[in-house]
Amino acid sequence: MILRLRRAGISDTNVLRAMELLPRAAFIAQEHSDFAYDERAVPIACGQTLAAPLTIAAMTQALALTGGEKVLEIGTGSGYHAAVLSALCTRVYSVERYKTLADSAKATLRGQGCANVVTRHSDGRYGWRGQAPFDAIIITAGLRVRPVTLLGQLKNGGRLVCVMDDMLTVLTKSFADIEEKTVFKTPLAPLEPGKSKIL
């Protein structure tokens, strides 16, 4: 998996190391373990998926973490992406709207020793106001428009990484301005399946 990610353009050695050391198979059901490290999304509970390794690596690399950040993750899912982030920053605050996933991820993260991850069962569209502002925010679901509420919880100079209109997008906050940069096409499941994809 790591060699494949390198060939695909992932160059951040910290991201690669975190994904190399973290057992991706520990975050999914045993019946899917044979293809845990393949370049594909893996089904998890509540009709959700764990994104393919390249998507996770590219989104994490786009955050450009240096180690001292406080990061907000919207969409805990299985907890795998939060675990990767936990190796790259000071603290991760992760919000999950499905209680089943939130409880399962919390237990798995604890089992993997990710003591700097705090999880919460809540509607991620509203972020985590009590812990804002954040140095970086990552949204692990597809959007159609800019997540204005979450951008309001981002520090000046901070980055928000999301998939907007199926494009990996980096939004950098500079006072009242938002600089937008698209990286590459990578579809993700919508924030609210069956509903509008607007955050």
N, C-alpha and C. Protein backbone atom coordinates (compact mmCIF):
# COMPACT_ATOMS: atom_id res chain seq x y z
N MET A 1 0.82 -1.20 0.00
CA MET A 1 0.00 0.00 0.00
C MET A 1 0.86 1.26 0.00
N ILE A 2 1.91 1.28 0.82
CA ILE A 2 2.75 2.47 0.92
C ILE A 2 3.48 2.75 -0.39
N LEU A 3 4.00 1.71 -1.04
CA LEU A 3 4.65 1.89 -2.33
C LEU A 3 3.67 2.42 -3.36
N ARG A 4 2.45 1.93 -3.32
CA ARG A 4 1.42 2.40 -4.24
C ARG A 4 1.10 3.87 -4.00
N LEU A 5 1.05 4.27 -2.74
CA LEU A 5 0.78 5.67 -2.42
C LEU A 5 1.93 6.57 -2.89
N ARG A 6 3.16 6.11 -2.72
CA ARG A 6 4.31 6.87 -3.20
C ARG A 6 4.25 7.08 -4.71
N ARG A 7 3.94 6.01 -5.42
CA ARG A 7 3.85 6.10 -6.89
C ARG A 7 2.74 7.04 -7.32
N ALA A 8 1.70 7.15 -6.50
CA ALA A 8 0.56 8.01 -6.83
C ALA A 8 0.82 9.48 -6.49
N GLY A 9 1.96 9.78 -5.86
CA GLY A 9 2.30 11.17 -5.60
C GLY A 9 2.26 11.60 -4.14
N ILE A 10 2.03 10.68 -3.22
CA ILE A 10 2.06 11.03 -1.81
C ILE A 10 3.52 11.09 -1.37
N SER A 11 3.96 12.28 -0.99
CA SER A 11 5.38 12.49 -0.68
C SER A 11 5.64 12.85 0.78
N ASP A 12 4.59 13.14 1.54
CA ASP A 12 4.77 13.51 2.95
C ASP A 12 5.16 12.25 3.73
N THR A 13 6.40 12.19 4.18
CA THR A 13 6.88 10.99 4.86
C THR A 13 6.17 10.73 6.18
N ASN A 14 5.70 11.79 6.83
CA ASN A 14 4.96 11.61 8.09
C ASN A 14 3.61 10.93 7.84
N VAL A 15 2.94 11.33 6.77
CA VAL A 15 1.66 10.71 6.41
C VAL A 15 1.89 9.24 6.05
N LEU A 16 2.90 8.99 5.24
CA LEU A 16 3.20 7.61 4.84
C LEU A 16 3.56 6.74 6.03
N ARG A 17 4.34 7.29 6.96
CA ARG A 17 4.73 6.53 8.14
C ARG A 17 3.52 6.21 9.01
N ALA A 18 2.65 7.20 9.20
CA ALA A 18 1.45 6.98 10.02
C ALA A 18 0.58 5.88 9.43
N MET A 19 0.42 5.89 8.11
CA MET A 19 -0.42 4.88 7.47
C MET A 19 0.27 3.52 7.42
N GLU A 20 1.58 3.51 7.40
CA GLU A 20 2.31 2.26 7.41
C GLU A 20 2.21 1.56 8.77
N LEU A 21 2.28 2.35 9.83
CA LEU A 21 2.28 1.77 11.18
C LEU A 21 0.88 1.44 11.69
N LEU A 22 -0.14 2.09 11.15
CA LEU A 22 -1.50 1.89 11.64
C LEU A 22 -2.17 0.72 10.93
N PRO A 23 -2.70 -0.25 11.67
CA PRO A 23 -3.35 -1.41 11.04
C PRO A 23 -4.76 -1.06 10.53
N ARG A 24 -4.86 -0.77 9.25
CA ARG A 24 -6.15 -0.40 8.65
C ARG A 24 -7.20 -1.49 8.88
N ALA A 25 -6.76 -2.74 8.87
CA ALA A 25 -7.68 -3.87 9.04
C ALA A 25 -8.37 -3.85 10.40
N ALA A 26 -7.76 -3.20 11.40
CA ALA A 26 -8.35 -3.16 12.74
C ALA A 26 -9.60 -2.29 12.79
N PHE A 27 -9.83 -1.49 11.76
CA PHE A 27 -10.94 -0.55 11.76
C PHE A 27 -12.12 -1.01 10.91
N ILE A 28 -12.06 -2.22 10.38
CA ILE A 28 -13.14 -2.73 9.55
C ILE A 28 -13.55 -4.12 10.01
N ALA A 29 -14.68 -4.60 9.51
CA ALA A 29 -15.16 -5.93 9.88
C ALA A 29 -14.22 -7.00 9.33
N GLN A 30 -14.13 -8.10 10.03
CA GLN A 30 -13.19 -9.17 9.67
C GLN A 30 -13.44 -9.70 8.27
N GLU A 31 -14.72 -9.73 7.84
CA GLU A 31 -15.01 -10.29 6.52
C GLU A 31 -14.45 -9.45 5.37
N HIS A 32 -14.04 -8.20 5.68
CA HIS A 32 -13.46 -7.34 4.64
C HIS A 32 -11.94 -7.23 4.76
N SER A 33 -11.36 -7.95 5.69
CA SER A 33 -9.93 -7.77 5.98
C SER A 33 -9.02 -8.17 4.81
N ASP A 34 -9.49 -9.07 3.93
CA ASP A 34 -8.65 -9.51 2.82
C ASP A 34 -8.32 -8.38 1.85
N PHE A 35 -9.20 -7.37 1.78
CA PHE A 35 -8.91 -6.26 0.87
C PHE A 35 -8.80 -4.93 1.62
N ALA A 36 -8.43 -5.01 2.90
CA ALA A 36 -8.31 -3.80 3.72
C ALA A 36 -7.31 -2.80 3.14
N TYR A 37 -6.25 -3.30 2.52
CA TYR A 37 -5.18 -2.42 2.05
C TYR A 37 -5.22 -2.19 0.54
N ASP A 38 -6.26 -2.71 -0.13
CA ASP A 38 -6.42 -2.47 -1.56
C ASP A 38 -6.86 -1.02 -1.79
N GLU A 39 -6.70 -0.58 -3.02
CA GLU A 39 -7.09 0.79 -3.36
C GLU A 39 -8.59 0.82 -3.67
N ARG A 40 -9.37 0.73 -2.60
CA ARG A 40 -10.83 0.72 -2.73
C ARG A 40 -11.45 1.14 -1.42
N ALA A 41 -12.66 1.66 -1.49
CA ALA A 41 -13.41 1.98 -0.28
C ALA A 41 -13.92 0.67 0.32
N VAL A 42 -14.01 0.63 1.65
CA VAL A 42 -14.43 -0.58 2.35
C VAL A 42 -15.73 -0.30 3.10
N PRO A 43 -16.74 -1.16 2.96
CA PRO A 43 -18.00 -0.94 3.68
C PRO A 43 -17.81 -1.01 5.20
N ILE A 44 -18.49 -0.10 5.90
CA ILE A 44 -18.55 -0.15 7.35
C ILE A 44 -20.02 -0.05 7.75
N ALA A 45 -20.30 0.05 9.03
CA ALA A 45 -21.69 0.07 9.51
C ALA A 45 -22.45 1.31 9.01
N CYS A 46 -23.77 1.25 9.15
CA CYS A 46 -24.68 2.37 8.84
C CYS A 46 -24.64 2.78 7.37
N GLY A 47 -24.28 1.84 6.50
CA GLY A 47 -24.26 2.12 5.07
C GLY A 47 -23.14 3.05 4.64
N GLN A 48 -22.14 3.24 5.48
CA GLN A 48 -21.03 4.14 5.18
C GLN A 48 -19.82 3.33 4.68
N THR A 49 -18.76 4.04 4.30
CA THR A 49 -17.55 3.37 3.84
C THR A 49 -16.31 4.02 4.44
N LEU A 50 -15.25 3.23 4.52
CA LEU A 50 -13.93 3.74 4.83
C LEU A 50 -13.29 4.05 3.49
N ALA A 51 -12.89 5.30 3.28
CA ALA A 51 -12.36 5.73 1.99
C ALA A 51 -11.11 4.95 1.61
N ALA A 52 -10.82 4.91 0.32
CA ALA A 52 -9.64 4.24 -0.19
C ALA A 52 -8.38 4.90 0.37
N PRO A 53 -7.29 4.14 0.49
CA PRO A 53 -6.05 4.69 1.06
C PRO A 53 -5.55 5.96 0.39
N LEU A 54 -5.61 6.03 -0.95
CA LEU A 54 -5.11 7.23 -1.63
C LEU A 54 -5.92 8.46 -1.28
N THR A 55 -7.22 8.32 -1.16
CA THR A 55 -8.06 9.46 -0.78
C THR A 55 -7.69 9.96 0.60
N ILE A 56 -7.51 9.04 1.54
CA ILE A 56 -7.15 9.41 2.91
C ILE A 56 -5.77 10.06 2.94
N ALA A 57 -4.83 9.47 2.23
CA ALA A 57 -3.47 10.01 2.21
C ALA A 57 -3.43 11.39 1.58
N ALA A 58 -4.13 11.56 0.45
CA ALA A 58 -4.11 12.85 -0.24
C ALA A 58 -4.78 13.94 0.58
N MET A 59 -5.90 13.63 1.22
CA MET A 59 -6.58 14.62 2.04
C MET A 59 -5.72 15.00 3.24
N THR A 60 -5.08 14.01 3.85
CA THR A 60 -4.23 14.28 5.01
C THR A 60 -3.01 15.10 4.60
N GLN A 61 -2.38 14.74 3.50
CA GLN A 61 -1.23 15.49 3.02
C GLN A 61 -1.60 16.94 2.73
N ALA A 62 -2.80 17.15 2.20
CA ALA A 62 -3.25 18.50 1.85
C ALA A 62 -3.41 19.40 3.08
N LEU A 63 -3.60 18.79 4.26
CA LEU A 63 -3.70 19.59 5.50
C LEU A 63 -2.36 20.23 5.87
N ALA A 64 -1.26 19.64 5.39
CA ALA A 64 0.10 20.16 5.65
C ALA A 64 0.36 20.33 7.15
N LEU A 65 0.06 19.29 7.92
CA LEU A 65 0.24 19.35 9.37
C LEU A 65 1.72 19.33 9.75
N THR A 66 2.06 20.06 10.79
CA THR A 66 3.45 20.12 11.24
C THR A 66 3.66 19.50 12.62
N GLY A 67 2.56 19.14 13.30
CA GLY A 67 2.69 18.43 14.56
C GLY A 67 2.07 19.09 15.77
N GLY A 68 1.83 20.38 15.71
CA GLY A 68 1.31 21.07 16.88
C GLY A 68 -0.14 21.49 16.79
N GLU A 69 -0.83 21.03 15.76
CA GLU A 69 -2.17 21.53 15.48
C GLU A 69 -3.29 20.87 16.29
N LYS A 70 -4.38 21.62 16.38
CA LYS A 70 -5.65 21.09 16.89
C LYS A 70 -6.55 20.93 15.66
N VAL A 71 -6.97 19.70 15.38
CA VAL A 71 -7.67 19.40 14.14
C VAL A 71 -9.10 18.95 14.42
N LEU A 72 -10.03 19.42 13.60
CA LEU A 72 -11.42 18.98 13.66
C LEU A 72 -11.67 18.07 12.46
N GLU A 73 -12.20 16.88 12.74
CA GLU A 73 -12.59 15.96 11.67
C GLU A 73 -14.11 15.83 11.68
N ILE A 74 -14.72 16.01 10.53
CA ILE A 74 -16.16 15.83 10.40
C ILE A 74 -16.38 14.49 9.70
N GLY A 75 -16.96 13.54 10.43
CA GLY A 75 -17.20 12.21 9.89
C GLY A 75 -16.18 11.21 10.43
N THR A 76 -16.38 10.75 11.64
CA THR A 76 -15.44 9.82 12.26
C THR A 76 -15.42 8.48 11.55
N GLY A 77 -16.59 8.02 11.12
CA GLY A 77 -16.67 6.73 10.44
C GLY A 77 -16.12 5.61 11.31
N SER A 78 -15.19 4.84 10.76
CA SER A 78 -14.59 3.73 11.49
C SER A 78 -13.56 4.19 12.51
N GLY A 79 -13.10 5.43 12.37
CA GLY A 79 -12.07 5.96 13.25
C GLY A 79 -10.67 5.90 12.65
N TYR A 80 -10.54 5.26 11.48
CA TYR A 80 -9.22 5.09 10.88
C TYR A 80 -8.55 6.43 10.53
N HIS A 81 -9.31 7.31 9.88
CA HIS A 81 -8.71 8.59 9.48
C HIS A 81 -8.34 9.43 10.70
N ALA A 82 -9.15 9.38 11.73
CA ALA A 82 -8.82 10.09 12.97
C ALA A 82 -7.54 9.54 13.58
N ALA A 83 -7.35 8.23 13.48
CA ALA A 83 -6.13 7.60 14.00
C ALA A 83 -4.90 8.05 13.23
N VAL A 84 -5.04 8.15 11.91
CA VAL A 84 -3.93 8.66 11.09
C VAL A 84 -3.59 10.09 11.50
N LEU A 85 -4.62 10.91 11.65
CA LEU A 85 -4.41 12.31 12.05
C LEU A 85 -3.77 12.41 13.43
N SER A 86 -4.14 11.48 14.31
CA SER A 86 -3.64 11.55 15.69
C SER A 86 -2.13 11.42 15.76
N ALA A 87 -1.54 10.78 14.76
CA ALA A 87 -0.08 10.61 14.72
C ALA A 87 0.62 11.85 14.16
N LEU A 88 -0.17 12.81 13.68
CA LEU A 88 0.40 13.95 12.96
C LEU A 88 0.15 15.29 13.62
N CYS A 89 -0.63 15.32 14.70
CA CYS A 89 -0.97 16.59 15.33
C CYS A 89 -1.11 16.41 16.84
N THR A 90 -1.39 17.50 17.54
CA THR A 90 -1.50 17.45 19.00
C THR A 90 -2.81 16.82 19.46
N ARG A 91 -3.93 17.23 18.84
CA ARG A 91 -5.23 16.71 19.26
C ARG A 91 -6.20 16.71 18.10
N VAL A 92 -7.03 15.66 18.05
CA VAL A 92 -8.06 15.53 17.04
C VAL A 92 -9.43 15.52 17.72
N TYR A 93 -10.32 16.38 17.24
CA TYR A 93 -11.71 16.38 17.68
C TYR A 93 -12.53 15.85 16.50
N SER A 94 -13.22 14.73 16.70
CA SER A 94 -13.92 14.08 15.60
C SER A 94 -15.40 13.94 15.89
N VAL A 95 -16.22 14.35 14.93
CA VAL A 95 -17.67 14.36 15.09
C VAL A 95 -18.31 13.34 14.14
N GLU A 96 -19.21 12.52 14.67
CA GLU A 96 -19.89 11.50 13.87
C GLU A 96 -21.39 11.55 14.13
N ARG A 97 -22.19 11.56 13.08
CA ARG A 97 -23.65 11.68 13.26
C ARG A 97 -24.34 10.36 13.56
N TYR A 98 -23.69 9.22 13.23
CA TYR A 98 -24.27 7.92 13.56
C TYR A 98 -23.71 7.43 14.89
N LYS A 99 -24.61 7.20 15.86
CA LYS A 99 -24.15 6.80 17.19
C LYS A 99 -23.44 5.45 17.16
N THR A 100 -23.93 4.53 16.34
CA THR A 100 -23.29 3.22 16.24
C THR A 100 -21.84 3.37 15.83
N LEU A 101 -21.59 4.19 14.82
CA LEU A 101 -20.22 4.42 14.36
C LEU A 101 -19.41 5.17 15.40
N ALA A 102 -20.00 6.18 16.02
CA ALA A 102 -19.29 6.97 17.02
C ALA A 102 -18.82 6.09 18.17
N ASP A 103 -19.69 5.20 18.65
CA ASP A 103 -19.33 4.32 19.77
C ASP A 103 -18.27 3.30 19.37
N SER A 104 -18.44 2.72 18.18
CA SER A 104 -17.48 1.72 17.71
C SER A 104 -16.11 2.34 17.48
N ALA A 105 -16.08 3.52 16.84
CA ALA A 105 -14.81 4.20 16.57
C ALA A 105 -14.10 4.58 17.87
N LYS A 106 -14.86 5.03 18.84
CA LYS A 106 -14.27 5.41 20.12
C LYS A 106 -13.55 4.21 20.75
N ALA A 107 -14.20 3.05 20.71
CA ALA A 107 -13.60 1.85 21.29
C ALA A 107 -12.36 1.41 20.51
N THR A 108 -12.44 1.47 19.19
CA THR A 108 -11.30 1.06 18.36
C THR A 108 -10.12 2.00 18.55
N LEU A 109 -10.39 3.29 18.58
CA LEU A 109 -9.33 4.28 18.78
C LEU A 109 -8.65 4.08 20.13
N ARG A 110 -9.45 3.77 21.14
CA ARG A 110 -8.88 3.50 22.46
C ARG A 110 -7.99 2.26 22.40
N GLY A 111 -8.46 1.24 21.70
CA GLY A 111 -7.69 0.01 21.57
C GLY A 111 -6.38 0.19 20.82
N GLN A 112 -6.33 1.18 19.94
CA GLN A 112 -5.12 1.47 19.19
C GLN A 112 -4.22 2.49 19.88
N GLY A 113 -4.61 2.91 21.08
CA GLY A 113 -3.78 3.83 21.84
C GLY A 113 -3.81 5.27 21.37
N CYS A 114 -4.87 5.66 20.68
CA CYS A 114 -4.98 7.03 20.16
C CYS A 114 -5.59 7.93 21.24
N ALA A 115 -4.80 8.23 22.24
CA ALA A 115 -5.29 8.96 23.42
C ALA A 115 -5.57 10.42 23.13
N ASN A 116 -5.07 10.95 22.03
CA ASN A 116 -5.27 12.38 21.72
C ASN A 116 -6.44 12.62 20.77
N VAL A 117 -7.32 11.61 20.63
CA VAL A 117 -8.53 11.78 19.82
C VAL A 117 -9.74 11.86 20.73
N VAL A 118 -10.55 12.90 20.54
CA VAL A 118 -11.79 13.06 21.29
C VAL A 118 -12.93 12.92 20.29
N THR A 119 -13.88 12.03 20.55
CA THR A 119 -14.99 11.82 19.63
C THR A 119 -16.30 12.36 20.21
N ARG A 120 -17.22 12.64 19.32
CA ARG A 120 -18.51 13.19 19.75
C ARG A 120 -19.60 12.74 18.78
N HIS A 121 -20.74 12.30 19.33
CA HIS A 121 -21.89 11.96 18.50
C HIS A 121 -22.72 13.23 18.32
N SER A 122 -22.70 13.78 17.10
CA SER A 122 -23.39 15.04 16.85
C SER A 122 -23.50 15.25 15.34
N ASP A 123 -24.19 16.30 14.94
CA ASP A 123 -24.32 16.67 13.54
C ASP A 123 -23.09 17.48 13.13
N GLY A 124 -22.27 16.88 12.30
CA GLY A 124 -21.02 17.52 11.91
C GLY A 124 -21.16 18.81 11.15
N ARG A 125 -22.33 19.07 10.59
CA ARG A 125 -22.52 20.31 9.85
C ARG A 125 -22.30 21.54 10.72
N TYR A 126 -22.46 21.36 12.04
CA TYR A 126 -22.31 22.49 12.95
C TYR A 126 -20.95 22.51 13.63
N GLY A 127 -20.08 21.57 13.28
CA GLY A 127 -18.74 21.56 13.83
C GLY A 127 -18.71 21.26 15.32
N TRP A 128 -17.81 21.94 16.02
CA TRP A 128 -17.65 21.75 17.47
C TRP A 128 -17.31 23.12 18.06
N ARG A 129 -18.36 23.92 18.22
CA ARG A 129 -18.17 25.32 18.60
C ARG A 129 -17.38 25.48 19.90
N GLY A 130 -17.62 24.60 20.85
CA GLY A 130 -16.97 24.72 22.15
C GLY A 130 -15.47 24.54 22.11
N GLN A 131 -14.95 23.96 21.05
CA GLN A 131 -13.51 23.75 20.92
C GLN A 131 -12.87 24.64 19.85
N ALA A 132 -13.66 25.38 19.13
CA ALA A 132 -13.14 26.28 18.08
C ALA A 132 -12.37 27.44 18.73
N PRO A 133 -11.42 28.02 17.99
CA PRO A 133 -11.09 27.75 16.59
C PRO A 133 -10.08 26.62 16.45
N PHE A 134 -10.06 26.04 15.24
CA PHE A 134 -9.17 24.92 14.93
C PHE A 134 -8.08 25.37 13.95
N ASP A 135 -6.94 24.72 14.07
CA ASP A 135 -5.85 25.00 13.12
C ASP A 135 -6.13 24.40 11.76
N ALA A 136 -6.86 23.29 11.75
CA ALA A 136 -7.18 22.61 10.50
C ALA A 136 -8.48 21.85 10.66
N ILE A 137 -9.22 21.72 9.57
CA ILE A 137 -10.49 20.99 9.56
C ILE A 137 -10.51 20.09 8.34
N ILE A 138 -10.97 18.87 8.53
CA ILE A 138 -11.10 17.94 7.41
C ILE A 138 -12.51 17.37 7.41
N ILE A 139 -13.12 17.30 6.24
CA ILE A 139 -14.49 16.79 6.11
C ILE A 139 -14.43 15.54 5.24
N THR A 140 -14.84 14.41 5.80
CA THR A 140 -14.70 13.14 5.09
C THR A 140 -15.98 12.73 4.38
N ALA A 141 -16.68 13.70 3.83
CA ALA A 141 -17.90 13.44 3.06
C ALA A 141 -17.99 14.47 1.94
N GLY A 142 -18.75 14.13 0.90
CA GLY A 142 -18.85 15.02 -0.25
C GLY A 142 -19.74 16.22 -0.01
N LEU A 143 -19.33 17.37 -0.54
CA LEU A 143 -20.08 18.62 -0.42
C LEU A 143 -20.39 19.18 -1.80
N ARG A 144 -21.33 20.13 -1.84
CA ARG A 144 -21.63 20.85 -3.07
C ARG A 144 -21.24 22.32 -2.99
N VAL A 145 -21.26 22.87 -1.80
CA VAL A 145 -20.93 24.28 -1.62
C VAL A 145 -19.95 24.42 -0.46
N ARG A 146 -19.36 25.59 -0.33
CA ARG A 146 -18.43 25.84 0.76
C ARG A 146 -19.10 25.65 2.12
N PRO A 147 -18.42 25.01 3.06
CA PRO A 147 -18.97 24.80 4.40
C PRO A 147 -18.77 26.04 5.27
N VAL A 148 -19.63 27.02 5.09
CA VAL A 148 -19.45 28.34 5.70
C VAL A 148 -19.37 28.26 7.23
N THR A 149 -20.25 27.46 7.82
CA THR A 149 -20.25 27.35 9.29
C THR A 149 -18.91 26.83 9.80
N LEU A 150 -18.37 25.83 9.14
CA LEU A 150 -17.10 25.25 9.57
C LEU A 150 -15.93 26.19 9.30
N LEU A 151 -15.98 26.92 8.22
CA LEU A 151 -14.94 27.91 7.95
C LEU A 151 -14.89 28.96 9.05
N GLY A 152 -16.04 29.22 9.65
CA GLY A 152 -16.10 30.17 10.76
C GLY A 152 -15.42 29.65 12.01
N GLN A 153 -15.16 28.34 12.08
CA GLN A 153 -14.50 27.74 13.24
C GLN A 153 -13.01 27.48 12.97
N LEU A 154 -12.52 28.02 11.85
CA LEU A 154 -11.13 27.83 11.46
C LEU A 154 -10.31 29.05 11.84
N LYS A 155 -9.11 28.82 12.37
CA LYS A 155 -8.22 29.93 12.70
C LYS A 155 -7.76 30.66 11.46
N ASN A 156 -7.38 31.91 11.61
CA ASN A 156 -6.78 32.64 10.51
C ASN A 156 -5.49 31.92 10.10
N GLY A 157 -5.34 31.67 8.82
CA GLY A 157 -4.18 30.94 8.32
C GLY A 157 -4.39 29.44 8.29
N GLY A 158 -5.53 28.97 8.82
CA GLY A 158 -5.81 27.55 8.86
C GLY A 158 -6.31 27.01 7.53
N ARG A 159 -6.30 25.69 7.42
CA ARG A 159 -6.74 25.02 6.20
C ARG A 159 -7.93 24.11 6.47
N LEU A 160 -8.86 24.13 5.54
CA LEU A 160 -9.97 23.19 5.56
C LEU A 160 -9.87 22.35 4.30
N VAL A 161 -9.83 21.03 4.46
CA VAL A 161 -9.73 20.12 3.33
C VAL A 161 -11.03 19.34 3.22
N CYS A 162 -11.57 19.30 2.02
CA CYS A 162 -12.83 18.60 1.78
C CYS A 162 -12.88 18.14 0.33
N VAL A 163 -13.90 17.37 0.00
CA VAL A 163 -14.18 17.02 -1.38
C VAL A 163 -15.44 17.75 -1.78
N MET A 164 -15.28 18.73 -2.67
CA MET A 164 -16.40 19.58 -3.08
C MET A 164 -16.61 19.41 -4.58
N ASP A 165 -17.84 19.04 -4.95
CA ASP A 165 -18.13 18.72 -6.35
C ASP A 165 -17.16 17.67 -6.88
N ASP A 166 -16.89 16.67 -6.06
CA ASP A 166 -16.03 15.53 -6.41
C ASP A 166 -14.58 15.91 -6.64
N MET A 167 -14.17 17.11 -6.20
CA MET A 167 -12.79 17.54 -6.32
C MET A 167 -12.18 17.74 -4.93
N LEU A 168 -11.02 17.14 -4.71
CA LEU A 168 -10.30 17.38 -3.47
C LEU A 168 -9.93 18.85 -3.43
N THR A 169 -10.42 19.56 -2.42
CA THR A 169 -10.31 21.02 -2.37
C THR A 169 -9.69 21.47 -1.06
N VAL A 170 -8.78 22.43 -1.14
CA VAL A 170 -8.16 23.02 0.03
C VAL A 170 -8.61 24.47 0.13
N LEU A 171 -9.23 24.82 1.27
CA LEU A 171 -9.67 26.19 1.53
C LEU A 171 -8.80 26.78 2.63
N THR A 172 -8.08 27.82 2.31
CA THR A 172 -7.18 28.46 3.28
C THR A 172 -7.76 29.79 3.70
N LYS A 173 -7.86 29.99 5.01
CA LYS A 173 -8.49 31.20 5.55
C LYS A 173 -7.46 32.29 5.78
N SER A 174 -7.74 33.47 5.26
CA SER A 174 -6.89 34.64 5.48
C SER A 174 -7.79 35.81 5.83
N PHE A 175 -8.03 35.97 7.14
CA PHE A 175 -8.95 36.98 7.64
C PHE A 175 -10.32 36.78 6.99
N ALA A 176 -10.82 37.74 6.23
CA ALA A 176 -12.15 37.60 5.65
C ALA A 176 -12.13 36.87 4.31
N ASP A 177 -10.96 36.58 3.80
CA ASP A 177 -10.83 35.93 2.49
C ASP A 177 -10.60 34.43 2.62
N ILE A 178 -11.08 33.71 1.62
CA ILE A 178 -10.86 32.27 1.55
C ILE A 178 -10.21 31.96 0.20
N GLU A 179 -9.02 31.40 0.25
CA GLU A 179 -8.34 30.98 -0.97
C GLU A 179 -8.71 29.54 -1.26
N GLU A 180 -9.16 29.26 -2.46
CA GLU A 180 -9.60 27.91 -2.84
C GLU A 180 -8.66 27.30 -3.86
N LYS A 181 -8.24 26.08 -3.61
CA LYS A 181 -7.36 25.35 -4.53
C LYS A 181 -7.88 23.94 -4.69
N THR A 182 -8.05 23.49 -5.93
CA THR A 182 -8.48 22.12 -6.19
C THR A 182 -7.25 21.27 -6.51
N VAL A 183 -7.29 20.02 -6.06
CA VAL A 183 -6.13 19.14 -6.20
C VAL A 183 -6.39 18.09 -7.29
N PHE A 184 -7.37 17.21 -7.08
CA PHE A 184 -7.73 16.24 -8.12
C PHE A 184 -9.11 15.67 -7.83
N LYS A 185 -9.65 14.96 -8.81
CA LYS A 185 -10.99 14.40 -8.69
C LYS A 185 -10.97 13.17 -7.79
N THR A 186 -11.85 13.13 -6.81
CA THR A 186 -11.94 11.99 -5.89
C THR A 186 -13.30 11.98 -5.22
N PRO A 187 -14.28 11.30 -5.80
CA PRO A 187 -15.63 11.30 -5.24
C PRO A 187 -15.68 10.72 -3.83
N LEU A 188 -16.55 11.29 -2.99
CA LEU A 188 -16.83 10.76 -1.67
C LEU A 188 -18.34 10.69 -1.51
N ALA A 189 -18.79 9.84 -0.60
CA ALA A 189 -20.22 9.77 -0.30
C ALA A 189 -20.68 11.12 0.23
N PRO A 190 -21.92 11.54 -0.09
CA PRO A 190 -22.40 12.84 0.38
C PRO A 190 -22.51 12.91 1.90
N LEU A 191 -22.48 14.13 2.41
CA LEU A 191 -22.57 14.33 3.85
C LEU A 191 -23.86 13.73 4.40
N GLU A 192 -24.95 13.88 3.64
CA GLU A 192 -26.23 13.33 4.05
C GLU A 192 -26.79 12.48 2.92
N PRO A 193 -26.52 11.19 2.88
CA PRO A 193 -27.01 10.32 1.80
C PRO A 193 -28.52 10.43 1.65
N GLY A 194 -28.94 10.56 0.40
CA GLY A 194 -30.37 10.64 0.12
C GLY A 194 -30.92 12.04 0.27
N LYS A 195 -30.10 12.97 0.72
CA LYS A 195 -30.56 14.35 0.89
C LYS A 195 -29.65 15.29 0.09
N SER A 196 -29.86 16.55 0.27
CA SER A 196 -28.99 17.53 -0.38
C SER A 196 -27.57 17.37 0.13
N LYS A 197 -26.59 17.60 -0.74
CA LYS A 197 -25.20 17.51 -0.35
C LYS A 197 -24.68 18.84 0.18
N ILE A 198 -25.55 19.78 0.43
CA ILE A 198 -25.13 21.09 0.90
C ILE A 198 -24.84 21.06 2.39
N LEU A 199 -23.70 21.60 2.78
CA LEU A 199 -23.33 21.69 4.19
C LEU A 199 -23.67 23.08 4.70
